[in-house]
Amino acid sequence: MNRKFYLPLKFLVIFVVLCAGGYFYLHYEVSKNYGVPLDDHNFVILKDNKFFHNDEVFFPIALNYIVALNIDGSKLWVSPSHDYVDVESDSYSNRDSALKHLQADMDLIKQSGFNTVRVVGIGEMKVHDYQTGELKFPARTPDGKEEFLYLMKNNNQQRYFEALEELFKIAEKSGLKIIFLNKMLPDVNTTEKHLKELAYYFRADTCILAYDLFNEPLYFDLTLRPKQAVYKVTNRWKNIIRNYAPNHLVTIGLVGIREVFAWDPNIVNVDFISFHPYEHEPEQVRNEILWYQKYVNKPWIIGETAIPADNDSVSYDLQQEFAKNAIKQSVSCGAIGFSWWQFKDVRWAEFHASFMGIYTREGETLLKNSNETVSGTAKPVINEFLNFNYSKSKGECVCLPNYYNYSMNTKFSVTGKIVDQDENPVEGAVILAWNKDWTHSYHTITQKDGSFDVRSNYPFYHLRMSATNYTVIADDILPDTARVAGNGIPTISMGVKMIRKEF
């Protein structure tokens, strides 16, 4: 009788001791490393389709900022991107100088009306060996050369984390939150192992708003994946963050409408979507934003957008007007954050990518309440962020006249209708059509009755069709069989096409 009583009691005592020990260990480790408990209220949370910080609505006004790693012997540190300065004036090869410049940039970003920075460039690991999954990352040497460090050798991962920790502390000192772009590779398991260690190391860092786990898969995922596979891999990634950093959020940067064929925004398992619409065609950004509002069923932000302006080829006034309209359309259509690409002009190969900064490369800007200066001069677009007021920005989510065909082409047309397995019309489905060599394309979306009319200024040969939560179908056409329609446009009718509900 006594044995039956004491044996369960002993196990109960052991269980309670282990639980208590685990609690105090985790609490001690977190407090030792960061000085805050895991349930600290200073984390940004997502509730009722909005971000909250300290029990108040938080609307991220974010600026994309490129960060570089630098190395000198055993020392590894962060700096602003070397693309932000001229080589001859580069002073980032000295750690103290680099961190001073970085702090000044972060202070200037906060001074410019932003409350969040999307950090890019420093978290994008490369694969050295696809058989072993060995990862590496670049760092710049004092003589300006690029050196690759193997992540799991010579304590490099720990040094990398310590360099990131310095970056996050600098951003926090400036009063900024961080969205951190960490490049995941769906077919490389070591990126998941690295994510676990990264998330756990920074699990109590309240500066981090979210991890951005893939940048623009439409361009950078070279494998054509079925939607089920995309769901499974993103589900694994999200669970890693939930298990190792439960107070941090997860996002993925999608190009926009055209991601629907694989990285469907309603399929990827993340806390919120970060869309990257750009003006490849007239008013494409505002038109895409309306589509997000109508057909995306999870929280979303604008993670990147901009148009270039050098005040010569493109005027500063036009850039400012674009920002004003894009911000207003975003807020009016339900976005819960807005991000601009990027901090400063660069000198890359293409004009379009080189002049999107809110600061030029010329002159200097004096920081408020400081004698410090930052190279570069603000463009007028900065006023749209300085004067942003979330509560006063919401208006009508506008539908523009070119919503169904941005460029309003009249040289070639493909028409048809999309229905589901029950023969009901599918509204908002995406039809993407290419030229013969797959080098140029246009897209449109279906109307309420499921009909579509995708147009171009050249003949189409290839089509793909899908909608959020639906299967994908593809078809080839022969443009020589086109007939001139009543509107005078050579047209091919695809008839009725069926897509099936997949999720």
Protein backbone atom coordinates (compact mmCIF):
# COMPACT_ATOMS: atom_id res chain seq x y z
CA MET A 1 0.00 0.00 0.00
CA ASN A 2 2.77 2.43 0.95
CA ARG A 3 4.65 1.58 -2.22
CA LYS A 4 1.64 2.32 -4.39
CA PHE A 5 1.31 5.71 -2.71
CA TYR A 6 4.94 6.89 -2.73
CA LEU A 7 5.97 5.80 -6.23
CA PRO A 8 3.59 8.16 -8.13
CA LEU A 9 4.39 10.90 -5.65
CA LYS A 10 8.09 10.56 -6.37
CA PHE A 11 7.52 10.89 -10.10
CA LEU A 12 5.24 13.85 -9.51
CA VAL A 13 7.94 15.59 -7.49
CA ILE A 14 10.53 14.89 -10.19
CA PHE A 15 8.17 16.24 -12.86
CA VAL A 16 7.53 19.45 -10.90
CA VAL A 17 11.25 19.96 -10.28
CA LEU A 18 12.08 19.49 -13.95
CA CYS A 19 9.37 21.91 -15.05
CA ALA A 20 10.49 24.50 -12.54
CA GLY A 21 14.10 24.01 -13.53
CA GLY A 22 13.25 24.43 -17.19
CA TYR A 23 11.34 27.61 -16.47
CA PHE A 24 14.09 29.17 -14.40
CA TYR A 25 16.73 28.11 -16.92
CA LEU A 26 14.90 29.75 -19.82
CA HIS A 27 14.12 32.84 -17.78
CA TYR A 28 17.74 33.08 -16.58
CA GLU A 29 19.18 32.58 -20.06
CA VAL A 30 16.94 35.21 -21.58
CA SER A 31 17.59 37.67 -18.76
CA LYS A 32 21.31 37.01 -18.88
CA ASN A 33 21.59 37.59 -22.62
CA TYR A 34 19.13 40.40 -23.14
CA GLY A 35 17.81 41.72 -19.86
CA VAL A 36 14.14 41.20 -20.79
CA PRO A 37 11.71 38.30 -20.34
CA LEU A 38 10.15 36.54 -23.32
CA ASP A 39 6.72 38.04 -22.67
CA ASP A 40 7.94 41.64 -22.69
CA HIS A 41 5.20 43.99 -23.91
CA ASN A 42 7.65 45.87 -26.14
CA PHE A 43 7.33 43.29 -28.94
CA VAL A 44 5.21 44.24 -31.95
CA ILE A 45 2.20 41.92 -32.11
CA LEU A 46 -0.42 41.23 -34.76
CA LYS A 47 -4.03 41.37 -33.62
CA ASP A 48 -7.31 42.00 -35.44
CA ASN A 49 -5.46 42.52 -38.73
CA LYS A 50 -3.29 45.31 -37.27
CA PHE A 51 0.10 45.67 -35.66
CA PHE A 52 0.18 46.78 -32.03
CA HIS A 53 3.08 48.07 -29.97
CA ASN A 54 2.66 48.87 -26.28
CA ASP A 55 -1.11 48.42 -26.67
CA GLU A 56 -1.32 51.04 -29.42
CA VAL A 57 -1.83 50.56 -33.17
CA PHE A 58 1.55 50.50 -34.89
CA PHE A 59 1.69 51.23 -38.63
CA PRO A 60 5.20 50.43 -39.94
CA ILE A 61 6.51 53.22 -42.16
CA ALA A 62 9.61 51.41 -43.30
CA LEU A 63 12.67 52.18 -45.36
CA ASN A 64 14.71 49.49 -47.11
CA TYR A 65 18.35 49.76 -46.10
CA ILE A 66 21.31 47.74 -47.38
CA VAL A 67 23.83 46.57 -44.78
CA ALA A 68 27.30 45.13 -45.43
CA LEU A 69 29.69 42.96 -43.42
CA ASN A 70 33.35 43.88 -43.05
CA ILE A 71 36.27 41.76 -41.85
CA ASP A 72 39.78 42.41 -40.63
CA GLY A 73 41.49 39.32 -39.27
CA SER A 74 39.23 37.89 -36.57
CA LYS A 75 37.08 41.04 -36.35
CA LEU A 76 33.70 41.13 -38.08
CA TRP A 77 31.40 44.15 -38.09
CA VAL A 78 28.48 45.76 -39.89
CA SER A 79 28.44 48.95 -41.91
CA PRO A 80 26.18 50.80 -44.36
CA SER A 81 26.31 49.36 -47.86
CA HIS A 82 29.43 50.33 -49.77
CA ASP A 83 27.07 51.28 -52.61
CA TYR A 84 25.95 54.25 -50.50
CA VAL A 85 29.37 55.93 -50.68
CA ASP A 86 32.12 56.57 -53.19
CA VAL A 87 35.03 54.16 -52.94
CA GLU A 88 37.52 56.97 -52.40
CA SER A 89 35.62 58.23 -49.35
CA ASP A 90 34.89 54.79 -47.89
CA SER A 91 35.69 54.73 -44.19
CA TYR A 92 33.89 51.50 -43.32
CA SER A 93 37.08 49.47 -43.17
CA ASN A 94 37.50 50.77 -39.62
CA ARG A 95 35.02 49.23 -37.18
CA ASP A 96 34.47 52.29 -34.99
CA SER A 97 34.04 54.55 -37.99
CA ALA A 98 31.66 52.08 -39.69
CA LEU A 99 29.43 51.80 -36.61
CA LYS A 100 29.43 55.58 -36.21
CA HIS A 101 28.26 56.00 -39.83
CA LEU A 102 25.63 53.31 -39.32
CA GLN A 103 24.28 55.03 -36.21
CA ALA A 104 24.13 58.34 -38.06
CA ASP A 105 22.20 56.73 -40.93
CA MET A 106 19.71 55.15 -38.53
CA ASP A 107 19.24 58.45 -36.71
CA LEU A 108 18.63 60.16 -40.06
CA ILE A 109 16.08 57.51 -41.07
CA LYS A 110 14.17 58.09 -37.84
CA GLN A 111 14.47 61.85 -38.36
CA SER A 112 13.01 61.39 -41.86
CA GLY A 113 9.68 60.05 -40.59
CA PHE A 114 10.27 56.29 -40.56
CA ASN A 115 9.73 53.95 -37.62
CA THR A 116 10.99 50.71 -39.18
CA VAL A 117 13.92 49.54 -41.32
CA ARG A 118 13.83 46.54 -43.60
CA VAL A 119 17.41 45.29 -43.47
CA VAL A 120 18.63 43.65 -46.67
CA GLY A 121 21.96 42.41 -47.95
CA ILE A 122 23.37 40.95 -44.75
CA GLY A 123 21.10 37.94 -44.24
CA GLU A 124 21.25 36.43 -47.70
CA MET A 125 23.42 33.34 -47.28
CA LYS A 126 24.89 31.60 -50.30
CA VAL A 127 25.35 27.86 -50.81
CA HIS A 128 28.96 26.77 -51.17
CA ASP A 129 28.20 23.07 -51.67
CA TYR A 130 24.70 21.84 -52.56
CA GLN A 131 25.55 18.25 -51.59
CA THR A 132 26.47 19.14 -48.02
CA GLY A 133 24.41 22.33 -47.81
CA GLU A 134 27.45 24.26 -46.59
CA LEU A 135 26.58 27.96 -46.35
CA LYS A 136 28.79 31.00 -46.73
CA PHE A 137 28.44 34.76 -46.53
CA PRO A 138 30.52 37.61 -47.98
CA ALA A 139 32.51 40.18 -46.02
CA ARG A 140 34.65 43.05 -47.30
CA THR A 141 38.34 43.20 -46.40
CA PRO A 142 40.21 46.46 -45.62
CA ASP A 143 41.69 46.45 -49.15
CA GLY A 144 38.21 46.36 -50.68
CA LYS A 145 38.10 42.72 -51.67
CA GLU A 146 35.24 40.31 -51.03
CA GLU A 147 36.00 37.32 -48.83
CA PHE A 148 33.59 34.45 -48.21
CA LEU A 149 33.27 33.04 -44.71
CA TYR A 150 31.90 29.53 -44.15
CA LEU A 151 29.06 29.82 -41.67
CA MET A 152 29.77 26.75 -39.56
CA LYS A 153 33.56 27.04 -39.43
CA ASN A 154 35.93 29.01 -37.20
CA ASN A 155 33.18 30.31 -34.94
CA ASN A 156 31.85 32.34 -37.89
CA GLN A 157 28.20 31.90 -37.00
CA GLN A 158 28.75 33.29 -33.52
CA ARG A 159 30.71 36.24 -34.92
CA TYR A 160 27.95 36.81 -37.47
CA PHE A 161 25.30 36.86 -34.73
CA GLU A 162 27.38 39.29 -32.67
CA ALA A 163 27.69 41.61 -35.67
CA LEU A 164 23.91 41.47 -36.18
CA GLU A 165 23.43 42.19 -32.49
CA GLU A 166 25.40 45.41 -32.88
CA LEU A 167 23.20 46.37 -35.84
CA PHE A 168 19.98 45.73 -33.93
CA LYS A 169 21.19 47.72 -30.93
CA ILE A 170 22.02 50.67 -33.18
CA ALA A 171 18.56 50.55 -34.76
CA GLU A 172 16.94 50.28 -31.34
CA LYS A 173 18.92 53.26 -30.07
CA SER A 174 17.48 55.28 -32.97
CA GLY A 175 13.95 54.17 -32.08
CA LEU A 176 13.49 51.87 -35.09
CA LYS A 177 12.02 48.40 -35.47
CA ILE A 178 13.63 45.85 -37.80
CA ILE A 179 12.22 43.61 -40.53
CA PHE A 180 15.15 41.31 -41.25
CA LEU A 181 15.53 39.67 -44.66
CA ASN A 182 17.01 36.21 -44.04
CA LYS A 183 17.31 34.20 -47.24
CA MET A 184 15.78 30.74 -46.99
CA LEU A 185 16.27 28.10 -49.67
CA PRO A 186 13.41 25.59 -49.93
CA ASP A 187 15.66 22.74 -51.06
CA VAL A 188 18.62 23.38 -48.70
CA ASN A 189 17.96 22.01 -45.21
CA THR A 190 20.91 23.81 -43.65
CA THR A 191 19.12 27.13 -44.12
CA GLU A 192 16.44 25.82 -41.75
CA LYS A 193 19.07 24.78 -39.21
CA HIS A 194 20.59 28.25 -39.43
CA LEU A 195 17.14 29.86 -39.04
CA LYS A 196 16.56 27.90 -35.82
CA GLU A 197 19.82 29.14 -34.35
CA LEU A 198 19.28 32.71 -35.57
CA ALA A 199 15.75 32.83 -34.18
CA TYR A 200 16.76 31.36 -30.83
CA TYR A 201 19.74 33.68 -30.44
CA PHE A 202 17.57 36.77 -30.95
CA ARG A 203 14.37 35.38 -29.42
CA ALA A 204 14.15 38.17 -26.82
CA ASP A 205 15.20 41.07 -29.04
CA THR A 206 12.23 43.45 -29.08
CA CYS A 207 13.77 45.50 -31.89
CA ILE A 208 12.88 42.73 -34.37
CA LEU A 209 9.37 43.08 -35.79
CA ALA A 210 9.56 40.21 -38.27
CA TYR A 211 11.74 37.87 -40.26
CA ASP A 212 11.31 38.14 -44.04
CA LEU A 213 12.16 34.63 -45.22
CA PHE A 214 12.18 34.85 -49.00
CA ASN A 215 12.61 37.77 -51.34
CA GLU A 216 10.58 37.74 -54.56
CA PRO A 217 10.32 34.01 -55.36
CA LEU A 218 8.87 34.88 -58.78
CA TYR A 219 12.38 36.01 -59.72
CA PHE A 220 14.62 34.04 -57.36
CA ASP A 221 12.99 30.63 -56.92
CA LEU A 222 14.08 28.84 -60.07
CA THR A 223 12.03 25.71 -59.32
CA LEU A 224 8.43 25.71 -60.51
CA ARG A 225 6.66 24.50 -57.37
CA PRO A 226 3.08 23.30 -56.94
CA LYS A 227 1.11 25.34 -54.42
CA GLN A 228 0.90 22.40 -52.01
CA ALA A 229 4.71 22.27 -51.86
CA VAL A 230 4.90 26.02 -51.22
CA TYR A 231 2.45 25.68 -48.35
CA LYS A 232 4.44 22.84 -46.77
CA VAL A 233 7.79 24.62 -46.90
CA THR A 234 6.44 27.92 -45.59
CA ASN A 235 4.61 26.04 -42.86
CA ARG A 236 7.93 24.54 -41.74
CA TRP A 237 9.58 27.95 -41.70
CA LYS A 238 6.79 29.55 -39.72
CA ASN A 239 6.86 26.73 -37.18
CA ILE A 240 10.58 27.30 -36.68
CA ILE A 241 9.95 30.91 -35.70
CA ARG A 242 6.98 29.91 -33.53
CA ASN A 243 9.08 27.35 -31.67
CA TYR A 244 12.34 29.29 -31.35
CA ALA A 245 11.20 32.94 -31.30
CA PRO A 246 7.46 32.93 -30.51
CA ASN A 247 7.23 36.72 -30.13
CA HIS A 248 8.56 37.48 -33.60
CA LEU A 249 6.48 37.57 -36.78
CA VAL A 250 7.04 35.97 -40.18
CA THR A 251 6.60 37.47 -43.64
CA ILE A 252 7.62 36.80 -47.25
CA GLY A 253 8.28 39.40 -49.94
CA LEU A 254 6.13 38.65 -52.98
CA VAL A 255 6.47 40.51 -56.28
CA GLY A 256 2.70 40.92 -56.47
CA ILE A 257 -0.16 39.55 -58.56
CA ARG A 258 2.04 37.27 -60.66
CA GLU A 259 3.13 35.21 -57.64
CA VAL A 260 -0.30 33.54 -57.69
CA PHE A 261 0.95 30.70 -59.92
CA ALA A 262 3.15 29.18 -57.19
CA TRP A 263 3.76 31.40 -54.14
CA ASP A 264 0.08 32.20 -53.91
CA PRO A 265 -0.37 34.89 -51.20
CA ASN A 266 -3.30 32.99 -49.69
CA ILE A 267 -1.28 29.76 -49.62
CA VAL A 268 2.04 30.82 -48.09
CA ASN A 269 1.83 30.28 -44.35
CA VAL A 270 3.08 33.53 -42.84
CA ASP A 271 1.73 36.12 -40.42
CA PHE A 272 1.53 38.80 -43.09
CA ILE A 273 2.47 39.29 -46.74
CA SER A 274 4.94 41.91 -47.95
CA PHE A 275 4.09 42.92 -51.53
CA HIS A 276 6.62 44.52 -53.91
CA PRO A 277 4.67 46.27 -56.69
CA TYR A 278 6.51 48.54 -59.13
CA GLU A 279 5.43 50.73 -62.06
CA HIS A 280 6.40 48.45 -64.94
CA GLU A 281 3.22 49.72 -66.61
CA PRO A 282 1.12 52.87 -66.03
CA GLU A 283 -0.54 52.90 -62.59
CA GLN A 284 0.40 49.27 -62.01
CA VAL A 285 1.05 49.86 -58.30
CA ARG A 286 -2.32 51.34 -57.41
CA ASN A 287 -4.09 48.78 -59.57
CA GLU A 288 -2.27 45.87 -57.91
CA ILE A 289 -3.04 47.27 -54.47
CA LEU A 290 -6.76 47.13 -55.25
CA TRP A 291 -6.34 43.44 -56.19
CA TYR A 292 -4.66 42.75 -52.82
CA GLN A 293 -7.59 44.36 -51.05
CA LYS A 294 -10.16 42.32 -53.00
CA TYR A 295 -8.55 38.88 -53.07
CA VAL A 296 -5.89 38.47 -50.34
CA ASN A 297 -7.35 37.08 -47.13
CA LYS A 298 -4.48 37.72 -44.73
CA PRO A 299 -2.78 40.88 -43.42
CA TRP A 300 -0.45 42.59 -45.88
CA ILE A 301 1.94 45.51 -46.20
CA ILE A 302 3.76 47.14 -49.07
CA GLY A 303 7.27 45.76 -48.52
CA GLU A 304 8.90 47.58 -51.44
CA THR A 305 7.87 50.16 -53.98
CA ALA A 306 9.31 53.30 -55.58
CA ILE A 307 9.93 55.05 -58.83
CA PRO A 308 13.34 56.53 -59.69
CA ALA A 309 13.96 60.27 -59.84
CA ASP A 310 17.10 62.21 -60.72
CA ASN A 311 15.20 65.46 -61.41
CA ASP A 312 16.28 65.19 -65.03
CA SER A 313 14.88 62.08 -66.72
CA VAL A 314 12.26 61.84 -63.98
CA SER A 315 11.34 64.87 -61.88
CA TYR A 316 11.37 64.90 -58.08
CA ASP A 317 7.79 66.16 -58.19
CA LEU A 318 6.67 63.07 -60.10
CA GLN A 319 8.37 60.80 -57.56
CA GLN A 320 6.69 62.61 -54.69
CA GLU A 321 3.28 62.40 -56.36
CA PHE A 322 3.77 58.66 -56.89
CA ALA A 323 4.60 58.16 -53.20
CA LYS A 324 1.62 60.24 -52.10
CA ASN A 325 -0.79 58.22 -54.26
CA ALA A 326 0.74 54.84 -53.38
CA ILE A 327 0.63 55.50 -49.63
CA LYS A 328 -2.96 56.72 -49.78
CA GLN A 329 -4.11 53.77 -51.90
CA SER A 330 -2.31 51.34 -49.58
CA VAL A 331 -3.92 52.66 -46.41
CA SER A 332 -7.33 53.03 -48.08
CA CYS A 333 -7.23 49.45 -49.38
CA GLY A 334 -6.31 47.93 -46.02
CA ALA A 335 -2.50 47.75 -45.90
CA ILE A 336 -1.13 47.60 -42.36
CA GLY A 337 2.31 48.97 -43.30
CA PHE A 338 4.22 50.70 -46.10
CA SER A 339 7.88 50.44 -47.14
CA TRP A 340 9.91 52.48 -49.63
CA TRP A 341 12.86 51.24 -51.66
CA GLN A 342 15.39 52.59 -50.66
CA PHE A 343 17.52 54.85 -48.36
CA LYS A 344 19.93 56.44 -50.82
CA ASP A 345 20.68 56.56 -54.54
CA VAL A 346 23.32 54.10 -55.72
CA ARG A 347 25.42 53.69 -58.84
CA TRP A 348 24.20 50.46 -60.33
CA ALA A 349 24.03 49.54 -64.00
CA GLU A 350 20.40 50.58 -64.60
CA PHE A 351 18.85 54.01 -64.16
CA HIS A 352 15.65 52.50 -62.79
CA ALA A 353 17.44 50.88 -59.85
CA SER A 354 19.94 53.66 -59.18
CA PHE A 355 17.73 56.65 -58.35
CA MET A 356 15.03 55.28 -56.04
CA GLY A 357 16.55 56.63 -52.85
CA ILE A 358 14.92 59.28 -50.68
CA TYR A 359 18.42 60.78 -50.40
CA THR A 360 20.81 61.68 -53.21
CA ARG A 361 24.55 61.01 -53.11
CA GLU A 362 25.39 64.73 -53.24
CA GLY A 363 25.87 67.19 -50.38
CA GLU A 364 25.41 66.57 -46.66
CA THR A 365 22.54 66.49 -44.19
CA LEU A 366 22.93 67.69 -40.61
CA LEU A 367 21.32 65.52 -37.96
CA LYS A 368 18.95 67.19 -35.52
CA ASN A 369 20.35 67.89 -32.04
CA SER A 370 23.79 66.85 -33.22
CA ASN A 371 26.87 68.06 -35.04
CA GLU A 372 26.95 64.82 -37.03
CA THR A 373 26.35 64.88 -40.78
CA VAL A 374 25.36 62.20 -43.27
CA SER A 375 26.39 62.37 -46.91
CA GLY A 376 23.44 62.98 -49.23
CA THR A 377 20.56 65.41 -49.61
CA ALA A 378 16.86 64.70 -49.11
CA LYS A 379 14.57 64.59 -52.13
CA PRO A 380 11.10 66.15 -51.86
CA VAL A 381 9.58 62.65 -51.58
CA ILE A 382 10.72 62.67 -47.94
CA ASN A 383 7.83 65.00 -47.10
CA GLU A 384 5.32 62.20 -47.72
CA PHE A 385 6.88 60.26 -44.84
CA LEU A 386 7.53 63.21 -42.56
CA ASN A 387 3.89 64.28 -42.86
CA PHE A 388 2.33 60.81 -42.79
CA ASN A 389 -0.61 60.46 -40.43
CA TYR A 390 -2.18 57.01 -40.42
CA SER A 391 -5.51 58.15 -38.99
CA LYS A 392 -5.90 60.84 -41.69
CA SER A 393 -4.62 58.86 -44.69
CA LYS A 394 -7.55 56.56 -45.32
CA GLY A 395 -9.88 57.41 -48.18
CA GLU A 396 -11.41 55.57 -51.12
CA CYS A 397 -9.74 52.42 -52.42
CA VAL A 398 -9.89 53.57 -56.02
CA CYS A 399 -10.47 51.47 -59.13
CA LEU A 400 -8.69 53.15 -62.03
CA PRO A 401 -9.88 53.06 -65.68
CA ASN A 402 -6.97 50.80 -66.72
CA TYR A 403 -7.50 48.25 -63.93
CA TYR A 404 -7.96 45.32 -66.33
CA ASN A 405 -5.24 46.28 -68.85
CA TYR A 406 -2.64 48.69 -67.51
CA SER A 407 -1.04 49.65 -70.84
CA MET A 408 -4.30 49.62 -72.86
CA ASN A 409 -2.58 47.91 -75.80
CA THR A 410 -4.44 47.43 -79.09
CA LYS A 411 -2.17 45.23 -81.25
CA PHE A 412 -3.15 41.73 -80.01
CA SER A 413 -5.75 40.20 -77.70
CA VAL A 414 -6.60 36.88 -76.07
CA THR A 415 -10.06 36.51 -74.57
CA GLY A 416 -11.89 33.82 -72.62
CA LYS A 417 -13.66 32.93 -69.42
CA ILE A 418 -12.52 31.22 -66.22
CA VAL A 419 -14.88 29.01 -64.21
CA ASP A 420 -14.50 26.67 -61.26
CA GLN A 421 -15.33 22.94 -61.09
CA ASP A 422 -18.99 23.80 -60.55
CA GLU A 423 -18.97 26.04 -63.64
CA ASN A 424 -19.28 29.19 -61.54
CA PRO A 425 -17.30 32.23 -62.83
CA VAL A 426 -14.06 32.98 -61.00
CA GLU A 427 -13.52 36.68 -60.40
CA GLY A 428 -9.99 38.00 -59.87
CA ALA A 429 -8.21 35.12 -61.59
CA VAL A 430 -4.88 36.05 -63.20
CA ILE A 431 -4.08 35.43 -66.86
CA LEU A 432 -0.43 35.82 -67.81
CA ALA A 433 0.62 35.71 -71.48
CA TRP A 434 4.09 35.71 -73.11
CA ASN A 435 5.65 36.27 -76.48
CA LYS A 436 7.19 33.36 -78.37
CA ASP A 437 10.57 33.46 -76.59
CA TRP A 438 9.12 33.92 -73.06
CA THR A 439 10.97 37.25 -72.78
CA HIS A 440 8.03 39.68 -72.58
CA SER A 441 4.62 39.35 -70.99
CA TYR A 442 1.43 41.08 -69.93
CA HIS A 443 -1.24 40.04 -67.48
CA THR A 444 -4.86 40.81 -66.73
CA ILE A 445 -7.49 39.61 -64.25
CA THR A 446 -10.98 38.25 -64.74
CA GLN A 447 -14.08 40.32 -64.21
CA LYS A 448 -17.10 39.37 -62.11
CA ASP A 449 -18.47 37.09 -64.84
CA GLY A 450 -15.10 35.31 -65.17
CA SER A 451 -14.31 36.89 -68.54
CA PHE A 452 -10.88 38.22 -69.47
CA ASP A 453 -9.19 40.14 -72.26
CA VAL A 454 -5.39 40.29 -72.04
CA ARG A 455 -3.78 42.62 -74.57
CA SER A 456 -0.32 43.43 -75.84
CA ASN A 457 1.59 45.17 -78.59
CA TYR A 458 2.96 41.83 -79.92
CA PRO A 459 1.51 38.33 -80.57
CA PHE A 460 1.06 35.94 -77.64
CA TYR A 461 2.16 32.29 -77.74
CA HIS A 462 1.93 31.06 -74.13
CA LEU A 463 -0.63 31.49 -71.35
CA ARG A 464 -0.97 30.53 -67.68
CA MET A 465 -4.15 30.94 -65.65
CA SER A 466 -4.90 30.67 -61.95
CA ALA A 467 -6.53 32.39 -58.98
CA THR A 468 -5.72 32.45 -55.28
CA ASN A 469 -6.48 29.05 -53.74
CA TYR A 470 -7.00 27.50 -57.21
CA THR A 471 -5.02 25.17 -59.46
CA VAL A 472 -2.87 26.40 -62.35
CA ILE A 473 -3.51 25.63 -66.00
CA ALA A 474 -1.33 26.44 -69.00
CA ASP A 475 -1.89 26.60 -72.73
CA ASP A 476 -0.09 27.47 -75.96
CA ILE A 477 -1.71 29.35 -78.84
CA LEU A 478 -1.01 30.03 -82.49
CA PRO A 479 -1.24 33.78 -83.10
CA ASP A 480 -1.64 33.19 -86.84
CA THR A 481 -5.13 31.85 -86.11
CA ALA A 482 -6.26 35.18 -84.63
CA ARG A 483 -9.30 36.85 -86.13
CA VAL A 484 -9.90 40.57 -86.23
CA ALA A 485 -12.64 41.37 -83.71
CA GLY A 486 -15.23 44.11 -83.92
CA ASN A 487 -12.83 46.48 -82.17
CA GLY A 488 -10.27 45.95 -84.95
CA ILE A 489 -7.83 43.99 -82.75
CA PRO A 490 -6.50 40.56 -83.87
CA THR A 491 -8.03 38.28 -81.23
CA ILE A 492 -7.87 34.64 -80.19
CA SER A 493 -10.76 33.29 -78.12
CA MET A 494 -9.80 30.62 -75.58
CA GLY A 495 -13.41 29.81 -74.76
CA VAL A 496 -14.19 28.57 -71.25
CA LYS A 497 -11.33 27.33 -69.06
CA MET A 498 -11.79 25.54 -65.74
CA ILE A 499 -9.59 25.84 -62.64
CA ARG A 500 -10.25 23.79 -59.50
CA LYS A 501 -10.35 24.93 -55.90
CA GLU A 502 -7.17 23.59 -54.28
CA PHE A 503 -7.25 25.05 -50.77
